PDB file of N, CA and C in Angstrom:
ATOM      1  N   MET A   1       0.845  -1.174   0.000  1.00  0.00           N
ATOM      2  CA  MET A   1       0.000   0.000   0.000  1.00  0.00           C
ATOM      3  C   MET A   1       0.892   1.239   0.000  1.00  0.00           C
ATOM      4  N   PHE A   2       0.337   2.304  -0.528  1.00  0.00           N
ATOM      5  CA  PHE A   2       1.084   3.539  -0.745  1.00  0.00           C
ATOM      6  C   PHE A   2       0.216   4.707  -0.286  1.00  0.00           C
ATOM      7  N   THR A   3       0.844   5.772   0.198  1.00  0.00           N
ATOM      8  CA  THR A   3       0.068   6.941   0.601  1.00  0.00           C
ATOM      9  C   THR A   3       0.687   8.227   0.065  1.00  0.00           C
ATOM     10  N   ARG A   4      -0.187   9.183  -0.200  1.00  0.00           N
ATOM     11  CA  ARG A   4       0.211  10.548  -0.554  1.00  0.00           C
ATOM     12  C   ARG A   4      -0.246  11.431   0.585  1.00  0.00           C
ATOM     13  N   THR A   5       0.622  12.304   1.053  1.00  0.00           N
ATOM     14  CA  THR A   5       0.206  13.316   2.013  1.00  0.00           C
ATOM     15  C   THR A   5       0.239  14.659   1.300  1.00  0.00           C
ATOM     16  N   VAL A   6      -0.804  15.438   1.534  1.00  0.00           N
ATOM     17  CA  VAL A   6      -0.887  16.771   0.948  1.00  0.00           C
ATOM     18  C   VAL A   6      -1.124  17.740   2.101  1.00  0.00           C
ATOM     19  N   GLU A   7      -0.096  18.526   2.410  1.00  0.00           N
ATOM     20  CA  GLU A   7      -0.185  19.507   3.491  1.00  0.00           C
ATOM     21  C   GLU A   7      -0.567  20.844   2.884  1.00  0.00           C
ATOM     22  N   VAL A   8      -1.694  21.382   3.358  1.00  0.00           N
ATOM     23  CA  VAL A   8      -2.177  22.638   2.799  1.00  0.00           C
ATOM     24  C   VAL A   8      -2.349  23.688   3.895  1.00  0.00           C
ATOM     25  N   THR A   9      -2.111  24.920   3.502  1.00  0.00           N
ATOM     26  CA  THR A   9      -2.306  26.060   4.392  1.00  0.00           C
ATOM     27  C   THR A   9      -3.408  26.919   3.782  1.00  0.00           C
ATOM     28  N   PRO A  10      -4.608  26.827   4.348  1.00  0.00           N
ATOM     29  CA  PRO A  10      -5.700  27.641   3.813  1.00  0.00           C
ATOM     30  C   PRO A  10      -5.512  29.115   4.166  1.00  0.00           C
ATOM     31  N   LYS A  11      -6.153  29.970   3.392  1.00  0.00           N
ATOM     32  CA  LYS A  11      -6.175  31.385   3.725  1.00  0.00           C
ATOM     33  C   LYS A  11      -6.856  31.541   5.078  1.00  0.00           C
ATOM     34  N   SER A  12      -6.531  32.620   5.774  1.00  0.00           N
ATOM     35  CA  SER A  12      -7.092  32.872   7.097  1.00  0.00           C
ATOM     36  C   SER A  12      -8.617  32.795   7.058  1.00  0.00           C
ATOM     37  N   GLY A  13      -9.160  31.994   7.967  1.00  0.00           N
ATOM     38  CA  GLY A  13     -10.603  31.843   8.073  1.00  0.00           C
ATOM     39  C   GLY A  13     -11.226  30.913   7.050  1.00  0.00           C
ATOM     40  N   LYS A  14     -10.417  30.259   6.222  1.00  0.00           N
ATOM     41  CA  LYS A  14     -10.945  29.403   5.154  1.00  0.00           C
ATOM     42  C   LYS A  14     -10.753  27.907   5.402  1.00  0.00           C
ATOM     43  N   ALA A  15     -10.237  27.512   6.568  1.00  0.00           N
ATOM     44  CA  ALA A  15      -9.967  26.098   6.832  1.00  0.00           C
ATOM     45  C   ALA A  15     -11.237  25.258   6.755  1.00  0.00           C
ATOM     46  N   ARG A  16     -12.308  25.704   7.359  1.00  0.00           N
ATOM     47  CA  ARG A  16     -13.564  24.947   7.358  1.00  0.00           C
ATOM     48  C   ARG A  16     -14.104  24.821   5.938  1.00  0.00           C
ATOM     49  N   GLU A  17     -14.056  25.906   5.164  1.00  0.00           N
ATOM     50  CA  GLU A  17     -14.531  25.864   3.774  1.00  0.00           C
ATOM     51  C   GLU A  17     -13.677  24.908   2.941  1.00  0.00           C
ATOM     52  N   LEU A  18     -12.376  24.933   3.157  1.00  0.00           N
ATOM     53  CA  LEU A  18     -11.494  24.024   2.426  1.00  0.00           C
ATOM     54  C   LEU A  18     -11.795  22.570   2.793  1.00  0.00           C
ATOM     55  N   ALA A  19     -11.938  22.281   4.087  1.00  0.00           N
ATOM     56  CA  ALA A  19     -12.249  20.917   4.514  1.00  0.00           C
ATOM     57  C   ALA A  19     -13.575  20.459   3.910  1.00  0.00           C
ATOM     58  N   SER A  20     -14.569  21.324   3.886  1.00  0.00           N
ATOM     59  CA  SER A  20     -15.865  20.975   3.301  1.00  0.00           C
ATOM     60  C   SER A  20     -15.736  20.710   1.807  1.00  0.00           C
ATOM     61  N   THR A  21     -14.958  21.523   1.120  1.00  0.00           N
ATOM     62  CA  THR A  21     -14.752  21.337  -0.322  1.00  0.00           C
ATOM     63  C   THR A  21     -14.077  20.002  -0.587  1.00  0.00           C
ATOM     64  N   ILE A  22     -13.082  19.662   0.216  1.00  0.00           N
ATOM     65  CA  ILE A  22     -12.404  18.369   0.046  1.00  0.00           C
ATOM     66  C   ILE A  22     -13.390  17.232   0.253  1.00  0.00           C
ATOM     67  N   ASN A  23     -14.181  17.303   1.314  1.00  0.00           N
ATOM     68  CA  ASN A  23     -15.137  16.232   1.609  1.00  0.00           C
ATOM     69  C   ASN A  23     -16.254  16.131   0.576  1.00  0.00           C
ATOM     70  N   GLU A  24     -16.749  17.264   0.100  1.00  0.00           N
ATOM     71  CA  GLU A  24     -17.908  17.262  -0.790  1.00  0.00           C
ATOM     72  C   GLU A  24     -17.567  17.148  -2.269  1.00  0.00           C
ATOM     73  N   LYS A  25     -16.408  17.672  -2.694  1.00  0.00           N
ATOM     74  CA  LYS A  25     -16.074  17.691  -4.121  1.00  0.00           C
ATOM     75  C   LYS A  25     -14.888  16.805  -4.489  1.00  0.00           C
ATOM     76  N   VAL A  26     -13.874  16.779  -3.633  1.00  0.00           N
ATOM     77  CA  VAL A  26     -12.663  16.015  -3.960  1.00  0.00           C
ATOM     78  C   VAL A  26     -12.857  14.533  -3.661  1.00  0.00           C
ATOM     79  N   LEU A  27     -13.424  14.206  -2.519  1.00  0.00           N
ATOM     80  CA  LEU A  27     -13.590  12.798  -2.145  1.00  0.00           C
ATOM     81  C   LEU A  27     -14.384  11.995  -3.178  1.00  0.00           C
ATOM     82  N   PRO A  28     -15.481  12.516  -3.729  1.00  0.00           N
ATOM     83  CA  PRO A  28     -16.178  11.744  -4.769  1.00  0.00           C
ATOM     84  C   PRO A  28     -15.303  11.440  -5.983  1.00  0.00           C
ATOM     85  N   ILE A  29     -14.406  12.359  -6.335  1.00  0.00           N
ATOM     86  CA  ILE A  29     -13.480  12.116  -7.449  1.00  0.00           C
ATOM     87  C   ILE A  29     -12.483  11.025  -7.064  1.00  0.00           C
ATOM     88  N   LEU A  30     -11.938  11.107  -5.849  1.00  0.00           N
ATOM     89  CA  LEU A  30     -10.985  10.097  -5.385  1.00  0.00           C
ATOM     90  C   LEU A  30     -11.596   8.702  -5.400  1.00  0.00           C
ATOM     91  N   LYS A  31     -12.833   8.604  -4.942  1.00  0.00           N
ATOM     92  CA  LYS A  31     -13.500   7.294  -4.855  1.00  0.00           C
ATOM     93  C   LYS A  31     -13.639   6.606  -6.206  1.00  0.00           C
ATOM     94  N   LYS A  32     -13.588   7.370  -7.284  1.00  0.00           N
ATOM     95  CA  LYS A  32     -13.723   6.810  -8.633  1.00  0.00           C
ATOM     96  C   LYS A  32     -12.385   6.389  -9.234  1.00  0.00           C
ATOM     97  N   GLN A  33     -11.288   6.686  -8.555  1.00  0.00           N
ATOM     98  CA  GLN A  33      -9.958   6.408  -9.104  1.00  0.00           C
ATOM     99  C   GLN A  33      -9.561   4.948  -8.884  1.00  0.00           C
ATOM    100  N   ALA A  34      -8.987   4.350  -9.921  1.00  0.00           N
ATOM    101  CA  ALA A  34      -8.481   2.984  -9.803  1.00  0.00           C
ATOM    102  C   ALA A  34      -7.417   2.924  -8.724  1.00  0.00           C
ATOM    103  N   GLY A  35      -7.531   1.965  -7.819  1.00  0.00           N
ATOM    104  CA  GLY A  35      -6.536   1.771  -6.776  1.00  0.00           C
ATOM    105  C   GLY A  35      -6.725   2.613  -5.533  1.00  0.00           C
ATOM    106  N   PHE A  36      -7.716   3.507  -5.526  1.00  0.00           N
ATOM    107  CA  PHE A  36      -7.953   4.327  -4.333  1.00  0.00           C
ATOM    108  C   PHE A  36      -8.510   3.450  -3.223  1.00  0.00           C
ATOM    109  N   VAL A  37      -7.990   3.631  -1.997  1.00  0.00           N
ATOM    110  CA  VAL A  37      -8.415   2.832  -0.849  1.00  0.00           C
ATOM    111  C   VAL A  37      -9.134   3.680   0.186  1.00  0.00           C
ATOM    112  N   ASP A  38      -8.550   4.826   0.571  1.00  0.00           N
ATOM    113  CA  ASP A  38      -9.101   5.590   1.681  1.00  0.00           C
ATOM    114  C   ASP A  38      -8.521   7.003   1.672  1.00  0.00           C
ATOM    115  N   GLU A  39      -9.235   7.912   2.322  1.00  0.00           N
ATOM    116  CA  GLU A  39      -8.771   9.293   2.506  1.00  0.00           C
ATOM    117  C   GLU A  39      -8.982   9.654   3.963  1.00  0.00           C
ATOM    118  N   THR A  40      -7.989  10.250   4.587  1.00  0.00           N
ATOM    119  CA  THR A  40      -8.092  10.772   5.944  1.00  0.00           C
ATOM    120  C   THR A  40      -7.745  12.249   5.883  1.00  0.00           C
ATOM    121  N   LEU A  41      -8.618  13.077   6.436  1.00  0.00           N
ATOM    122  CA  LEU A  41      -8.411  14.512   6.435  1.00  0.00           C
ATOM    123  C   LEU A  41      -8.210  14.967   7.873  1.00  0.00           C
ATOM    124  N   LEU A  42      -7.073  15.598   8.138  1.00  0.00           N
ATOM    125  CA  LEU A  42      -6.733  16.058   9.479  1.00  0.00           C
ATOM    126  C   LEU A  42      -6.698  17.581   9.492  1.00  0.00           C
ATOM    127  N   VAL A  43      -7.424  18.180  10.437  1.00  0.00           N
ATOM    128  CA  VAL A  43      -7.413  19.628  10.620  1.00  0.00           C
ATOM    129  C   VAL A  43      -6.775  19.876  11.981  1.00  0.00           C
ATOM    130  N   SER A  44      -5.695  20.640  12.007  1.00  0.00           N
ATOM    131  CA  SER A  44      -4.954  20.875  13.242  1.00  0.00           C
ATOM    132  C   SER A  44      -5.822  21.541  14.301  1.00  0.00           C
ATOM    133  N   ASP A  45      -5.689  21.064  15.529  1.00  0.00           N
ATOM    134  CA  ASP A  45      -6.417  21.687  16.637  1.00  0.00           C
ATOM    135  C   ASP A  45      -5.609  22.817  17.276  1.00  0.00           C
ATOM    136  N   THR A  46      -4.323  22.911  16.946  1.00  0.00           N
ATOM    137  CA  THR A  46      -3.485  23.974  17.507  1.00  0.00           C
ATOM    138  C   THR A  46      -3.098  25.033  16.479  1.00  0.00           C
ATOM    139  N   GLU A  47      -3.117  24.663  15.203  1.00  0.00           N
ATOM    140  CA  GLU A  47      -2.810  25.592  14.114  1.00  0.00           C
ATOM    141  C   GLU A  47      -3.997  25.577  13.152  1.00  0.00           C
ATOM    142  N   PRO A  48      -4.961  26.474  13.355  1.00  0.00           N
ATOM    143  CA  PRO A  48      -6.205  26.408  12.597  1.00  0.00           C
ATOM    144  C   PRO A  48      -6.055  26.501  11.083  1.00  0.00           C
ATOM    145  N   ASN A  49      -4.903  26.942  10.624  1.00  0.00           N
ATOM    146  CA  ASN A  49      -4.692  27.022   9.180  1.00  0.00           C
ATOM    147  C   ASN A  49      -3.745  25.941   8.679  1.00  0.00           C
ATOM    148  N   GLN A  50      -3.820  24.762   9.262  1.00  0.00           N
ATOM    149  CA  GLN A  50      -3.029  23.632   8.795  1.00  0.00           C
ATOM    150  C   GLN A  50      -3.957  22.439   8.595  1.00  0.00           C
ATOM    151  N   ILE A  51      -3.949  21.914   7.384  1.00  0.00           N
ATOM    152  CA  ILE A  51      -4.740  20.732   7.047  1.00  0.00           C
ATOM    153  C   ILE A  51      -3.809  19.733   6.379  1.00  0.00           C
ATOM    154  N   LEU A  52      -3.979  18.477   6.745  1.00  0.00           N
ATOM    155  CA  LEU A  52      -3.192  17.403   6.163  1.00  0.00           C
ATOM    156  C   LEU A  52      -4.154  16.353   5.613  1.00  0.00           C
ATOM    157  N   ALA A  53      -4.045  16.079   4.325  1.00  0.00           N
ATOM    158  CA  ALA A  53      -4.863  15.055   3.682  1.00  0.00           C
ATOM    159  C   ALA A  53      -3.971  13.859   3.367  1.00  0.00           C
ATOM    160  N   LEU A  54      -4.411  12.687   3.778  1.00  0.00           N
ATOM    161  CA  LEU A  54      -3.675  11.457   3.501  1.00  0.00           C
ATOM    162  C   LEU A  54      -4.561  10.568   2.637  1.00  0.00           C
ATOM    163  N   SER A  55      -4.091  10.245   1.448  1.00  0.00           N
ATOM    164  CA  SER A  55      -4.838   9.316   0.601  1.00  0.00           C
ATOM    165  C   SER A  55      -4.040   8.020   0.511  1.00  0.00           C
ATOM    166  N   PHE A  56      -4.781   6.916   0.595  1.00  0.00           N
ATOM    167  CA  PHE A  56      -4.175   5.593   0.565  1.00  0.00           C
ATOM    168  C   PHE A  56      -4.526   4.909  -0.753  1.00  0.00           C
ATOM    169  N   TRP A  57      -3.522   4.263  -1.338  1.00  0.00           N
ATOM    170  CA  TRP A  57      -3.641   3.670  -2.662  1.00  0.00           C
ATOM    171  C   TRP A  57      -3.122   2.241  -2.635  1.00  0.00           C
ATOM    172  N   ASN A  58      -3.652   1.407  -3.513  1.00  0.00           N
ATOM    173  CA  ASN A  58      -3.166   0.028  -3.597  1.00  0.00           C
ATOM    174  C   ASN A  58      -1.704  -0.024  -4.009  1.00  0.00           C
ATOM    175  N   SER A  59      -1.293   0.905  -4.881  1.00  0.00           N
ATOM    176  CA  SER A  59       0.091   0.875  -5.361  1.00  0.00           C
ATOM    177  C   SER A  59       0.588   2.289  -5.657  1.00  0.00           C
ATOM    178  N   LYS A  60       1.883   2.401  -5.760  1.00  0.00           N
ATOM    179  CA  LYS A  60       2.514   3.665  -6.131  1.00  0.00           C
ATOM    180  C   LYS A  60       2.040   4.099  -7.514  1.00  0.00           C
ATOM    181  N   GLU A  61       1.882   3.128  -8.418  1.00  0.00           N
ATOM    182  CA  GLU A  61       1.445   3.434  -9.774  1.00  0.00           C
ATOM    183  C   GLU A  61       0.042   4.051  -9.786  1.00  0.00           C
ATOM    184  N   ASP A  62      -0.851   3.542  -8.940  1.00  0.00           N
ATOM    185  CA  ASP A  62      -2.200   4.107  -8.844  1.00  0.00           C
ATOM    186  C   ASP A  62      -2.141   5.563  -8.382  1.00  0.00           C
ATOM    187  N   ALA A  63      -1.329   5.823  -7.360  1.00  0.00           N
ATOM    188  CA  ALA A  63      -1.195   7.187  -6.834  1.00  0.00           C
ATOM    189  C   ALA A  63      -0.573   8.111  -7.875  1.00  0.00           C
ATOM    190  N   GLU A  64       0.417   7.622  -8.598  1.00  0.00           N
ATOM    191  CA  GLU A  64       1.061   8.439  -9.627  1.00  0.00           C
ATOM    192  C   GLU A  64       0.099   8.752 -10.775  1.00  0.00           C
ATOM    193  N   ARG A  65      -0.749   7.790 -11.141  1.00  0.00           N
ATOM    194  CA  ARG A  65      -1.737   8.017 -12.199  1.00  0.00           C
ATOM    195  C   ARG A  65      -2.713   9.113 -11.763  1.00  0.00           C
ATOM    196  N   TYR A  66      -3.174   9.043 -10.518  1.00  0.00           N
ATOM    197  CA  TYR A  66      -4.058  10.077  -9.987  1.00  0.00           C
ATOM    198  C   TYR A  66      -3.350  11.445 -10.027  1.00  0.00           C
ATOM    199  N   GLN A  67      -2.090  11.484  -9.611  1.00  0.00           N
ATOM    200  CA  GLN A  67      -1.323  12.734  -9.595  1.00  0.00           C
ATOM    201  C   GLN A  67      -1.264  13.355 -10.992  1.00  0.00           C
ATOM    202  N   ARG A  68      -1.050  12.530 -11.988  1.00  0.00           N
ATOM    203  CA  ARG A  68      -0.956  13.014 -13.371  1.00  0.00           C
ATOM    204  C   ARG A  68      -2.309  13.406 -13.951  1.00  0.00           C
ATOM    205  N   GLU A  69      -3.313  12.560 -13.751  1.00  0.00           N
ATOM    206  CA  GLU A  69      -4.576  12.702 -14.473  1.00  0.00           C
ATOM    207  C   GLU A  69      -5.633  13.537 -13.757  1.00  0.00           C
ATOM    208  N   GLN A  70      -5.676  13.525 -12.439  1.00  0.00           N
ATOM    209  CA  GLN A  70      -6.770  14.183 -11.723  1.00  0.00           C
ATOM    210  C   GLN A  70      -6.341  15.332 -10.827  1.00  0.00           C
ATOM    211  N   TYR A  71      -5.155  15.217 -10.229  1.00  0.00           N
ATOM    212  CA  TYR A  71      -4.740  16.217  -9.254  1.00  0.00           C
ATOM    213  C   TYR A  71      -4.694  17.644  -9.809  1.00  0.00           C
ATOM    214  N   PRO A  72      -4.230  17.882 -11.028  1.00  0.00           N
ATOM    215  CA  PRO A  72      -4.194  19.270 -11.512  1.00  0.00           C
ATOM    216  C   PRO A  72      -5.572  19.951 -11.470  1.00  0.00           C
ATOM    217  N   ALA A  73      -6.631  19.242 -11.855  1.00  0.00           N
ATOM    218  CA  ALA A  73      -7.984  19.817 -11.825  1.00  0.00           C
ATOM    219  C   ALA A  73      -8.447  20.048 -10.392  1.00  0.00           C
ATOM    220  N   ILE A  74      -8.105  19.137  -9.495  1.00  0.00           N
ATOM    221  CA  ILE A  74      -8.482  19.292  -8.091  1.00  0.00           C
ATOM    222  C   ILE A  74      -7.751  20.489  -7.487  1.00  0.00           C
ATOM    223  N   HIS A  75      -6.488  20.636  -7.811  1.00  0.00           N
ATOM    224  CA  HIS A  75      -5.720  21.774  -7.303  1.00  0.00           C
ATOM    225  C   HIS A  75      -6.371  23.085  -7.752  1.00  0.00           C
ATOM    226  N   GLU A  76      -6.794  23.150  -9.002  1.00  0.00           N
ATOM    227  CA  GLU A  76      -7.465  24.346  -9.498  1.00  0.00           C
ATOM    228  C   GLU A  76      -8.768  24.614  -8.745  1.00  0.00           C
ATOM    229  N   MET A  77      -9.455  23.542  -8.361  1.00  0.00           N
ATOM    230  CA  MET A  77     -10.728  23.643  -7.650  1.00  0.00           C
ATOM    231  C   MET A  77     -10.569  24.310  -6.276  1.00  0.00           C
ATOM    232  N   VAL A  78      -9.418  24.116  -5.634  1.00  0.00           N
ATOM    233  CA  VAL A  78      -9.223  24.627  -4.268  1.00  0.00           C
ATOM    234  C   VAL A  78      -8.218  25.776  -4.186  1.00  0.00           C
ATOM    235  N   ARG A  79      -7.568  26.096  -5.274  1.00  0.00           N
ATOM    236  CA  ARG A  79      -6.494  27.099  -5.280  1.00  0.00           C
ATOM    237  C   ARG A  79      -6.909  28.415  -4.615  1.00  0.00           C
ATOM    238  N   HIS A  80      -8.141  28.871  -4.854  1.00  0.00           N
ATOM    239  CA  HIS A  80      -8.587  30.162  -4.316  1.00  0.00           C
ATOM    240  C   HIS A  80      -8.704  30.165  -2.787  1.00  0.00           C
ATOM    241  N   LEU A  81      -8.663  28.978  -2.168  1.00  0.00           N
ATOM    242  CA  LEU A  81      -8.764  28.865  -0.713  1.00  0.00           C
ATOM    243  C   LEU A  81      -7.397  28.737  -0.040  1.00  0.00           C
ATOM    244  N   LEU A  82      -6.333  28.641  -0.828  1.00  0.00           N
ATOM    245  CA  LEU A  82      -4.998  28.343  -0.289  1.00  0.00           C
ATOM    246  C   LEU A  82      -4.132  29.581  -0.124  1.00  0.00           C
ATOM    247  N   GLU A  83      -3.405  29.585   0.982  1.00  0.00           N
ATOM    248  CA  GLU A  83      -2.435  30.647   1.254  1.00  0.00           C
ATOM    249  C   GLU A  83      -1.126  30.386   0.504  1.00  0.00           C
ATOM    250  N   ALA A  84      -0.781  29.106   0.355  1.00  0.00           N
ATOM    251  CA  ALA A  84       0.484  28.714  -0.282  1.00  0.00           C
ATOM    252  C   ALA A  84       0.257  27.424  -1.065  1.00  0.00           C
ATOM    253  N   GLU A  85       1.237  27.083  -1.884  1.00  0.00           N
ATOM    254  CA  GLU A  85       1.149  25.844  -2.649  1.00  0.00           C
ATOM    255  C   GLU A  85       1.181  24.638  -1.698  1.00  0.00           C
ATOM    256  N   PRO A  86       0.395  23.606  -1.974  1.00  0.00           N
ATOM    257  CA  PRO A  86       0.419  22.397  -1.144  1.00  0.00           C
ATOM    258  C   PRO A  86       1.793  21.728  -1.183  1.00  0.00           C
ATOM    259  N   VAL A  87       2.125  21.060  -0.086  1.00  0.00           N
ATOM    260  CA  VAL A  87       3.359  20.276  -0.011  1.00  0.00           C
ATOM    261  C   VAL A  87       2.943  18.811  -0.095  1.00  0.00           C
ATOM    262  N   ILE A  88       3.396  18.139  -1.150  1.00  0.00           N
ATOM    263  CA  ILE A  88       3.019  16.742  -1.383  1.00  0.00           C
ATOM    264  C   ILE A  88       4.205  15.843  -1.091  1.00  0.00           C
ATOM    265  N   ARG A  89       3.937  14.803  -0.321  1.00  0.00           N
ATOM    266  CA  ARG A  89       4.957  13.794  -0.030  1.00  0.00           C
ATOM    267  C   ARG A  89       4.329  12.424  -0.261  1.00  0.00           C
ATOM    268  N   THR A  90       5.161  11.442  -0.548  1.00  0.00           N
ATOM    269  CA  THR A  90       4.655  10.083  -0.750  1.00  0.00           C
ATOM    270  C   THR A  90       5.409   9.107   0.142  1.00  0.00           C
ATOM    271  N   PHE A  91       4.708   8.035   0.530  1.00  0.00           N
ATOM    272  CA  PHE A  91       5.263   7.055   1.459  1.00  0.00           C
ATOM    273  C   PHE A  91       4.758   5.658   1.127  1.00  0.00           C
ATOM    274  N   ASN A  92       5.588   4.665   1.374  1.00  0.00           N
ATOM    275  CA  ASN A  92       5.113   3.291   1.430  1.00  0.00           C
ATOM    276  C   ASN A  92       4.504   3.100   2.808  1.00  0.00           C
ATOM    277  N   VAL A  93       3.370   2.428   2.878  1.00  0.00           N
ATOM    278  CA  VAL A  93       2.737   2.174   4.174  1.00  0.00           C
ATOM    279  C   VAL A  93       3.426   0.959   4.794  1.00  0.00           C
ATOM    280  N   ASP A  94       4.099   1.179   5.906  1.00  0.00           N
ATOM    281  CA  ASP A  94       4.829   0.105   6.580  1.00  0.00           C
ATOM    282  C   ASP A  94       3.907  -0.741   7.436  1.00  0.00           C
ATOM    283  N   SER A  95       2.969  -0.084   8.118  1.00  0.00           N
ATOM    284  CA  SER A  95       2.004  -0.830   8.926  1.00  0.00           C
ATOM    285  C   SER A  95       0.756   0.019   9.108  1.00  0.00           C
ATOM    286  N   SER A  96      -0.380  -0.653   9.294  1.00  0.00           N
ATOM    287  CA  SER A  96      -1.646   0.024   9.525  1.00  0.00           C
ATOM    288  C   SER A  96      -2.613  -0.943  10.179  1.00  0.00           C
ATOM    289  N   THR A  97      -3.134  -0.567  11.336  1.00  0.00           N
ATOM    290  CA  THR A  97      -4.144  -1.425  11.953  1.00  0.00           C
ATOM    291  C   THR A  97      -5.462  -1.320  11.190  1.00  0.00           C
ATOM    292  N   THR A  98      -5.767  -0.137  10.683  1.00  0.00           N
ATOM    293  CA  THR A  98      -7.004   0.062   9.925  1.00  0.00           C
ATOM    294  C   THR A  98      -7.013  -0.763   8.650  1.00  0.00           C
ATOM    295  N   HIS A  99      -5.891  -0.793   7.944  1.00  0.00           N
ATOM    296  CA  HIS A  99      -5.823  -1.493   6.672  1.00  0.00           C
ATOM    297  C   HIS A  99      -5.231  -2.898   6.818  1.00  0.00           C
ATOM    298  N   ARG A 100      -5.044  -3.318   8.057  1.00  0.00           N
ATOM    299  CA  ARG A 100      -4.542  -4.663   8.384  1.00  0.00           C
ATOM    300  C   ARG A 100      -3.230  -4.999   7.658  1.00  0.00           C
ATOM    301  N   ILE A 101      -2.276  -4.071   7.798  1.00  0.00           N
ATOM    302  CA  ILE A 101      -0.951  -4.280   7.226  1.00  0.00           C
ATOM    303  C   ILE A 101       0.020  -4.401   8.400  1.00  0.00           C
ATOM    304  N   ALA A 102       0.758  -5.510   8.429  1.00  0.00           N
ATOM    305  CA  ALA A 102       1.747  -5.719   9.479  1.00  0.00           C
ATOM    306  C   ALA A 102       3.034  -4.990   9.116  1.00  0.00           C
ATOM    307  N   ALA A 103       3.791  -4.580  10.100  1.00  0.00           N
ATOM    308  CA  ALA A 103       5.051  -3.861   9.865  1.00  0.00           C
ATOM    309  C   ALA A 103       5.932  -4.643   8.910  1.00  0.00           C
ATOM    310  N   GLY A 104       6.385  -3.937   7.871  1.00  0.00           N
ATOM    311  CA  GLY A 104       7.276  -4.553   6.893  1.00  0.00           C
ATOM    312  C   GLY A 104       6.586  -5.436   5.878  1.00  0.00           C
ATOM    313  N   LYS A 105       5.254  -5.552   5.917  1.00  0.00           N
ATOM    314  CA  LYS A 105       4.530  -6.448   5.004  1.00  0.00           C
ATOM    315  C   LYS A 105       3.692  -5.698   3.995  1.00  0.00           C
ATOM    316  N   ALA A 106       3.880  -4.387   3.872  1.00  0.00           N
ATOM    317  CA  ALA A 106       3.086  -3.601   2.917  1.00  0.00           C
ATOM    318  C   ALA A 106       3.359  -4.044   1.492  1.00  0.00           C
ATOM    319  N   ALA A 107       2.315  -4.026   0.685  1.00  0.00           N
ATOM    320  CA  ALA A 107       2.465  -4.440  -0.710  1.00  0.00           C
ATOM    321  C   ALA A 107       3.110  -3.329  -1.530  1.00  0.00           C
TER     322      ALA A 107
END
């Protein structure tokens, strides 16, 4: 399993609107992508303008296809709510109790 993290800094006072946009408009697009497994959206309780989105994918190739084919349109959809460009990082999932992956056994 593979994950993409997207760290975003919304404009002041726009965190709730950004989170709603992700849940209402972005998540339906993600659910239609080949290899998409799950999305977790984290809104900081100490830094109100910090949001971290974690998407889980069956493979690195699935995540890369999404990055190429869908992410540019999604970025345009939320750009007006952002203070700065998102920071994207990728990871192999080493373990997950939710996805039943044992340490070192990720696909």
